[in-house]
Amino acid sequence: METLEFVIYPDGRVQEKVTGIIGASCAEVTAAIESQLGNVINQEQTSEYFAQQVNQTAVATTQATYSEW
């Protein structure tokens, strides 16, 4: 599940935490929000940022023979 969490401090700082998004696509999700909030002072990537989606494909080949013996 993808979640965005925002903590707004009394001095106006906003902390944003993104979870559930694998890879660098989280930057695409948050870009519009961050542009409206103002200057980004610090970014820390989580382990999900560095993870890669695994796509597995399996191909099965069958061969049938027929004999009239």
PDB file of N, CA and C in Angstrom:
ATOM      1  N   MET A   1       0.848  -1.171   0.000  1.00  0.00           N
ATOM      2  CA  MET A   1       0.000   0.000   0.000  1.00  0.00           C
ATOM      3  C   MET A   1       0.899   1.242   0.000  1.00  0.00           C
ATOM      4  N   GLU A   2       0.618   2.171  -0.865  1.00  0.00           N
ATOM      5  CA  GLU A   2       1.376   3.411  -0.970  1.00  0.00           C
ATOM      6  C   GLU A   2       0.813   4.431   0.012  1.00  0.00           C
ATOM      7  N   THR A   3       1.709   5.043   0.797  1.00  0.00           N
ATOM      8  CA  THR A   3       1.258   6.072   1.730  1.00  0.00           C
ATOM      9  C   THR A   3       2.200   7.264   1.703  1.00  0.00           C
ATOM     10  N   LEU A   4       1.635   8.426   1.900  1.00  0.00           N
ATOM     11  CA  LEU A   4       2.380   9.675   2.066  1.00  0.00           C
ATOM     12  C   LEU A   4       2.004  10.226   3.433  1.00  0.00           C
ATOM     13  N   GLU A   5       3.013  10.497   4.242  1.00  0.00           N
ATOM     14  CA  GLU A   5       2.773  11.015   5.589  1.00  0.00           C
ATOM     15  C   GLU A   5       3.448  12.381   5.696  1.00  0.00           C
ATOM     16  N   PHE A   6       2.719  13.359   6.216  1.00  0.00           N
ATOM     17  CA  PHE A   6       3.259  14.709   6.377  1.00  0.00           C
ATOM     18  C   PHE A   6       3.180  15.105   7.840  1.00  0.00           C
ATOM     19  N   VAL A   7       4.276  15.648   8.344  1.00  0.00           N
ATOM     20  CA  VAL A   7       4.309  16.218   9.683  1.00  0.00           C
ATOM     21  C   VAL A   7       4.618  17.701   9.509  1.00  0.00           C
ATOM     22  N   ILE A   8       3.735  18.552  10.018  1.00  0.00           N
ATOM     23  CA  ILE A   8       3.920  19.997   9.913  1.00  0.00           C
ATOM     24  C   ILE A   8       4.297  20.515  11.301  1.00  0.00           C
ATOM     25  N   TYR A   9       5.479  21.097  11.403  1.00  0.00           N
ATOM     26  CA  TYR A   9       5.995  21.595  12.669  1.00  0.00           C
ATOM     27  C   TYR A   9       5.532  23.027  12.906  1.00  0.00           C
ATOM     28  N   PRO A  10       5.525  23.468  14.155  1.00  0.00           N
ATOM     29  CA  PRO A  10       5.077  24.839  14.474  1.00  0.00           C
ATOM     30  C   PRO A  10       5.877  25.937  13.767  1.00  0.00           C
ATOM     31  N   ASP A  11       7.140  25.659  13.428  1.00  0.00           N
ATOM     32  CA  ASP A  11       7.946  26.670  12.749  1.00  0.00           C
ATOM     33  C   ASP A  11       7.743  26.675  11.235  1.00  0.00           C
ATOM     34  N   GLY A  12       6.825  25.829  10.725  1.00  0.00           N
ATOM     35  CA  GLY A  12       6.496  25.816   9.304  1.00  0.00           C
ATOM     36  C   GLY A  12       7.193  24.732   8.494  1.00  0.00           C
ATOM     37  N   ARG A  13       8.151  24.052   9.101  1.00  0.00           N
ATOM     38  CA  ARG A  13       8.812  22.957   8.383  1.00  0.00           C
ATOM     39  C   ARG A  13       7.820  21.820   8.154  1.00  0.00           C
ATOM     40  N   VAL A  14       8.011  21.128   7.047  1.00  0.00           N
ATOM     41  CA  VAL A  14       7.161  19.984   6.723  1.00  0.00           C
ATOM     42  C   VAL A  14       8.058  18.779   6.482  1.00  0.00           C
ATOM     43  N   GLN A  15       7.757  17.710   7.179  1.00  0.00           N
ATOM     44  CA  GLN A  15       8.473  16.451   6.961  1.00  0.00           C
ATOM     45  C   GLN A  15       7.541  15.532   6.188  1.00  0.00           C
ATOM     46  N   GLU A  16       8.077  14.961   5.130  1.00  0.00           N
ATOM     47  CA  GLU A  16       7.291  14.088   4.257  1.00  0.00           C
ATOM     48  C   GLU A  16       7.925  12.699   4.286  1.00  0.00           C
ATOM     49  N   LYS A  17       7.090  11.671   4.443  1.00  0.00           N
ATOM     50  CA  LYS A  17       7.592  10.301   4.436  1.00  0.00           C
ATOM     51  C   LYS A  17       6.745   9.488   3.463  1.00  0.00           C
ATOM     52  N   VAL A  18       7.418   8.823   2.532  1.00  0.00           N
ATOM     53  CA  VAL A  18       6.749   8.020   1.518  1.00  0.00           C
ATOM     54  C   VAL A  18       7.062   6.556   1.790  1.00  0.00           C
ATOM     55  N   THR A  19       6.044   5.726   1.823  1.00  0.00           N
ATOM     56  CA  THR A  19       6.251   4.290   1.984  1.00  0.00           C
ATOM     57  C   THR A  19       5.404   3.540   0.972  1.00  0.00           C
ATOM     58  N   GLY A  20       5.871   2.365   0.616  1.00  0.00           N
ATOM     59  CA  GLY A  20       5.117   1.503  -0.277  1.00  0.00           C
ATOM     60  C   GLY A  20       5.369   1.732  -1.749  1.00  0.00           C
ATOM     61  N   ILE A  21       6.300   2.611  -2.094  1.00  0.00           N
ATOM     62  CA  ILE A  21       6.631   2.857  -3.496  1.00  0.00           C
ATOM     63  C   ILE A  21       8.056   2.368  -3.712  1.00  0.00           C
ATOM     64  N   ILE A  22       8.216   1.418  -4.612  1.00  0.00           N
ATOM     65  CA  ILE A  22       9.521   0.820  -4.868  1.00  0.00           C
ATOM     66  C   ILE A  22      10.271   1.631  -5.918  1.00  0.00           C
ATOM     67  N   GLY A  23      11.547   1.907  -5.647  1.00  0.00           N
ATOM     68  CA  GLY A  23      12.401   2.590  -6.617  1.00  0.00           C
ATOM     69  C   GLY A  23      12.259   4.101  -6.572  1.00  0.00           C
ATOM     70  N   ALA A  24      12.825   4.752  -7.559  1.00  0.00           N
ATOM     71  CA  ALA A  24      12.888   6.208  -7.608  1.00  0.00           C
ATOM     72  C   ALA A  24      11.576   6.847  -8.041  1.00  0.00           C
ATOM     73  N   SER A  25      10.563   6.071  -8.344  1.00  0.00           N
ATOM     74  CA  SER A  25       9.299   6.655  -8.787  1.00  0.00           C
ATOM     75  C   SER A  25       8.614   7.460  -7.684  1.00  0.00           C
ATOM     76  N   CYS A  26       9.055   7.304  -6.441  1.00  0.00           N
ATOM     77  CA  CYS A  26       8.481   8.119  -5.365  1.00  0.00           C
ATOM     78  C   CYS A  26       8.753   9.601  -5.608  1.00  0.00           C
ATOM     79  N   ALA A  27       9.872   9.922  -6.244  1.00  0.00           N
ATOM     80  CA  ALA A  27      10.186  11.321  -6.557  1.00  0.00           C
ATOM     81  C   ALA A  27       9.164  11.897  -7.529  1.00  0.00           C
ATOM     82  N   GLU A  28       8.695  11.091  -8.459  1.00  0.00           N
ATOM     83  CA  GLU A  28       7.668  11.540  -9.403  1.00  0.00           C
ATOM     84  C   GLU A  28       6.343  11.798  -8.688  1.00  0.00           C
ATOM     85  N   VAL A  29       6.043  10.943  -7.716  1.00  0.00           N
ATOM     86  CA  VAL A  29       4.780  11.060  -6.984  1.00  0.00           C
ATOM     87  C   VAL A  29       4.770  12.329  -6.133  1.00  0.00           C
ATOM     88  N   THR A  30       5.895  12.674  -5.547  1.00  0.00           N
ATOM     89  CA  THR A  30       5.933  13.796  -4.616  1.00  0.00           C
ATOM     90  C   THR A  30       6.368  15.118  -5.233  1.00  0.00           C
ATOM     91  N   ALA A  31       6.799  15.138  -6.475  1.00  0.00           N
ATOM     92  CA  ALA A  31       7.344  16.349  -7.098  1.00  0.00           C
ATOM     93  C   ALA A  31       6.349  17.509  -7.076  1.00  0.00           C
ATOM     94  N   ALA A  32       5.113  17.274  -7.432  1.00  0.00           N
ATOM     95  CA  ALA A  32       4.116  18.355  -7.474  1.00  0.00           C
ATOM     96  C   ALA A  32       3.844  18.910  -6.077  1.00  0.00           C
ATOM     97  N   ILE A  33       3.787  18.039  -5.098  1.00  0.00           N
ATOM     98  CA  ILE A  33       3.538  18.485  -3.722  1.00  0.00           C
ATOM     99  C   ILE A  33       4.717  19.312  -3.223  1.00  0.00           C
ATOM    100  N   GLU A  34       5.920  18.824  -3.463  1.00  0.00           N
ATOM    101  CA  GLU A  34       7.115  19.528  -2.997  1.00  0.00           C
ATOM    102  C   GLU A  34       7.259  20.892  -3.664  1.00  0.00           C
ATOM    103  N   SER A  35       6.869  21.008  -4.918  1.00  0.00           N
ATOM    104  CA  SER A  35       6.966  22.306  -5.589  1.00  0.00           C
ATOM    105  C   SER A  35       6.013  23.330  -4.959  1.00  0.00           C
ATOM    106  N   GLN A  36       4.897  22.873  -4.438  1.00  0.00           N
ATOM    107  CA  GLN A  36       3.942  23.765  -3.780  1.00  0.00           C
ATOM    108  C   GLN A  36       4.368  24.124  -2.356  1.00  0.00           C
ATOM    109  N   LEU A  37       5.135  23.226  -1.715  1.00  0.00           N
ATOM    110  CA  LEU A  37       5.548  23.466  -0.335  1.00  0.00           C
ATOM    111  C   LEU A  37       6.703  24.454  -0.233  1.00  0.00           C
ATOM    112  N   GLY A  38       7.569  24.469  -1.225  1.00  0.00           N
ATOM    113  CA  GLY A  38       8.709  25.392  -1.168  1.00  0.00           C
ATOM    114  C   GLY A  38      10.030  24.650  -1.317  1.00  0.00           C
ATOM    115  N   ASN A  39      11.083  25.214  -0.717  1.00  0.00           N
ATOM    116  CA  ASN A  39      12.425  24.657  -0.857  1.00  0.00           C
ATOM    117  C   ASN A  39      12.580  23.344  -0.099  1.00  0.00           C
ATOM    118  N   VAL A  40      13.169  22.372  -0.767  1.00  0.00           N
ATOM    119  CA  VAL A  40      13.494  21.101  -0.121  1.00  0.00           C
ATOM    120  C   VAL A  40      14.879  21.265   0.485  1.00  0.00           C
ATOM    121  N   ILE A  41      14.962  21.101   1.793  1.00  0.00           N
ATOM    122  CA  ILE A  41      16.230  21.294   2.502  1.00  0.00           C
ATOM    123  C   ILE A  41      17.018  19.991   2.563  1.00  0.00           C
ATOM    124  N   ASN A  42      16.339  18.886   2.772  1.00  0.00           N
ATOM    125  CA  ASN A  42      17.025  17.619   2.982  1.00  0.00           C
ATOM    126  C   ASN A  42      16.173  16.481   2.440  1.00  0.00           C
ATOM    127  N   GLN A  43      16.830  15.476   1.883  1.00  0.00           N
ATOM    128  CA  GLN A  43      16.146  14.258   1.444  1.00  0.00           C
ATOM    129  C   GLN A  43      16.945  13.053   1.924  1.00  0.00           C
ATOM    130  N   GLU A  44      16.244  12.066   2.451  1.00  0.00           N
ATOM    131  CA  GLU A  44      16.868  10.814   2.854  1.00  0.00           C
ATOM    132  C   GLU A  44      16.103   9.682   2.178  1.00  0.00           C
ATOM    133  N   GLN A  45      16.802   8.891   1.398  1.00  0.00           N
ATOM    134  CA  GLN A  45      16.156   7.772   0.716  1.00  0.00           C
ATOM    135  C   GLN A  45      16.078   6.572   1.665  1.00  0.00           C
ATOM    136  N   THR A  46      14.975   5.858   1.577  1.00  0.00           N
ATOM    137  CA  THR A  46      14.792   4.646   2.374  1.00  0.00           C
ATOM    138  C   THR A  46      15.274   3.442   1.576  1.00  0.00           C
ATOM    139  N   SER A  47      15.229   2.292   2.194  1.00  0.00           N
ATOM    140  CA  SER A  47      15.634   1.068   1.496  1.00  0.00           C
ATOM    141  C   SER A  47      14.713   0.779   0.316  1.00  0.00           C
ATOM    142  N   GLU A  48      13.448   1.203   0.397  1.00  0.00           N
ATOM    143  CA  GLU A  48      12.518   1.010  -0.713  1.00  0.00           C
ATOM    144  C   GLU A  48      12.961   1.780  -1.952  1.00  0.00           C
ATOM    145  N   TYR A  49      13.626   2.908  -1.762  1.00  0.00           N
ATOM    146  CA  TYR A  49      14.120   3.709  -2.877  1.00  0.00           C
ATOM    147  C   TYR A  49      15.140   2.923  -3.687  1.00  0.00           C
ATOM    148  N   PHE A  50      15.993   2.181  -2.994  1.00  0.00           N
ATOM    149  CA  PHE A  50      17.066   1.452  -3.660  1.00  0.00           C
ATOM    150  C   PHE A  50      16.644   0.054  -4.125  1.00  0.00           C
ATOM    151  N   ALA A  51      15.467  -0.375  -3.728  1.00  0.00           N
ATOM    152  CA  ALA A  51      14.973  -1.691  -4.141  1.00  0.00           C
ATOM    153  C   ALA A  51      14.563  -1.658  -5.604  1.00  0.00           C
ATOM    154  N   GLN A  52      14.583  -2.813  -6.218  1.00  0.00           N
ATOM    155  CA  GLN A  52      14.157  -2.935  -7.607  1.00  0.00           C
ATOM    156  C   GLN A  52      13.050  -3.970  -7.677  1.00  0.00           C
ATOM    157  N   GLN A  53      12.084  -3.689  -8.522  1.00  0.00           N
ATOM    158  CA  GLN A  53      11.007  -4.647  -8.710  1.00  0.00           C
ATOM    159  C   GLN A  53      11.544  -5.857  -9.453  1.00  0.00           C
ATOM    160  N   VAL A  54      11.095  -7.011  -9.036  1.00  0.00           N
ATOM    161  CA  VAL A  54      11.527  -8.254  -9.670  1.00  0.00           C
ATOM    162  C   VAL A  54      10.396  -8.746 -10.560  1.00  0.00           C
ATOM    163  N   ASN A  55      10.711  -8.919 -11.822  1.00  0.00           N
ATOM    164  CA  ASN A  55       9.750  -9.471 -12.776  1.00  0.00           C
ATOM    165  C   ASN A  55      10.254 -10.834 -13.209  1.00  0.00           C
ATOM    166  N   GLN A  56       9.468 -11.847 -12.938  1.00  0.00           N
ATOM    167  CA  GLN A  56       9.855 -13.193 -13.322  1.00  0.00           C
ATOM    168  C   GLN A  56       8.961 -13.679 -14.450  1.00  0.00           C
ATOM    169  N   THR A  57       9.586 -14.327 -15.391  1.00  0.00           N
ATOM    170  CA  THR A  57       8.839 -14.916 -16.497  1.00  0.00           C
ATOM    171  C   THR A  57       9.233 -16.376 -16.593  1.00  0.00           C
ATOM    172  N   ALA A  58       8.267 -17.192 -16.787  1.00  0.00           N
ATOM    173  CA  ALA A  58       8.534 -18.613 -16.943  1.00  0.00           C
ATOM    174  C   ALA A  58       7.985 -19.054 -18.295  1.00  0.00           C
ATOM    175  N   VAL A  59       8.779 -19.801 -19.016  1.00  0.00           N
ATOM    176  CA  VAL A  59       8.358 -20.324 -20.308  1.00  0.00           C
ATOM    177  C   VAL A  59       8.426 -21.838 -20.222  1.00  0.00           C
ATOM    178  N   ALA A  60       7.336 -22.464 -20.522  1.00  0.00           N
ATOM    179  CA  ALA A  60       7.283 -23.917 -20.505  1.00  0.00           C
ATOM    180  C   ALA A  60       7.157 -24.424 -21.935  1.00  0.00           C
ATOM    181  N   THR A  61       7.984 -25.375 -22.288  1.00  0.00           N
ATOM    182  CA  THR A  61       7.941 -25.965 -23.616  1.00  0.00           C
ATOM    183  C   THR A  61       7.592 -27.433 -23.465  1.00  0.00           C
ATOM    184  N   THR A  62       6.601 -27.837 -24.186  1.00  0.00           N
ATOM    185  CA  THR A  62       6.224 -29.253 -24.146  1.00  0.00           C
ATOM    186  C   THR A  62       6.359 -29.840 -25.534  1.00  0.00           C
ATOM    187  N   GLN A  63       6.639 -31.117 -25.557  1.00  0.00           N
ATOM    188  CA  GLN A  63       6.776 -31.794 -26.835  1.00  0.00           C
ATOM    189  C   GLN A  63       6.041 -33.124 -26.726  1.00  0.00           C
ATOM    190  N   ALA A  64       5.157 -33.342 -27.642  1.00  0.00           N
ATOM    191  CA  ALA A  64       4.391 -34.582 -27.647  1.00  0.00           C
ATOM    192  C   ALA A  64       4.787 -35.403 -28.875  1.00  0.00           C
ATOM    193  N   THR A  65       4.934 -36.665 -28.661  1.00  0.00           N
ATOM    194  CA  THR A  65       5.239 -37.557 -29.785  1.00  0.00           C
ATOM    195  C   THR A  65       4.151 -38.611 -29.877  1.00  0.00           C
ATOM    196  N   TYR A  66       3.962 -39.086 -31.057  1.00  0.00           N
ATOM    197  CA  TYR A  66       2.940 -40.098 -31.283  1.00  0.00           C
ATOM    198  C   TYR A  66       3.568 -41.225 -32.087  1.00  0.00           C
ATOM    199  N   SER A  67       3.341 -42.396 -31.644  1.00  0.00           N
ATOM    200  CA  SER A  67       3.901 -43.550 -32.350  1.00  0.00           C
ATOM    201  C   SER A  67       2.814 -44.603 -32.527  1.00  0.00           C
ATOM    202  N   GLU A  68       2.807 -45.303 -33.684  1.00  0.00           N
ATOM    203  CA  GLU A  68       1.812 -46.329 -33.938  1.00  0.00           C
ATOM    204  C   GLU A  68       2.377 -47.725 -33.697  1.00  0.00           C
ATOM    205  N   TRP A  69       3.325 -47.864 -32.919  1.00  0.00           N
ATOM    206  CA  TRP A  69       3.917 -49.175 -32.650  1.00  0.00           C
ATOM    207  C   TRP A  69       2.944 -50.074 -32.050  1.00  0.00           C
TER     208      TRP A  69
END
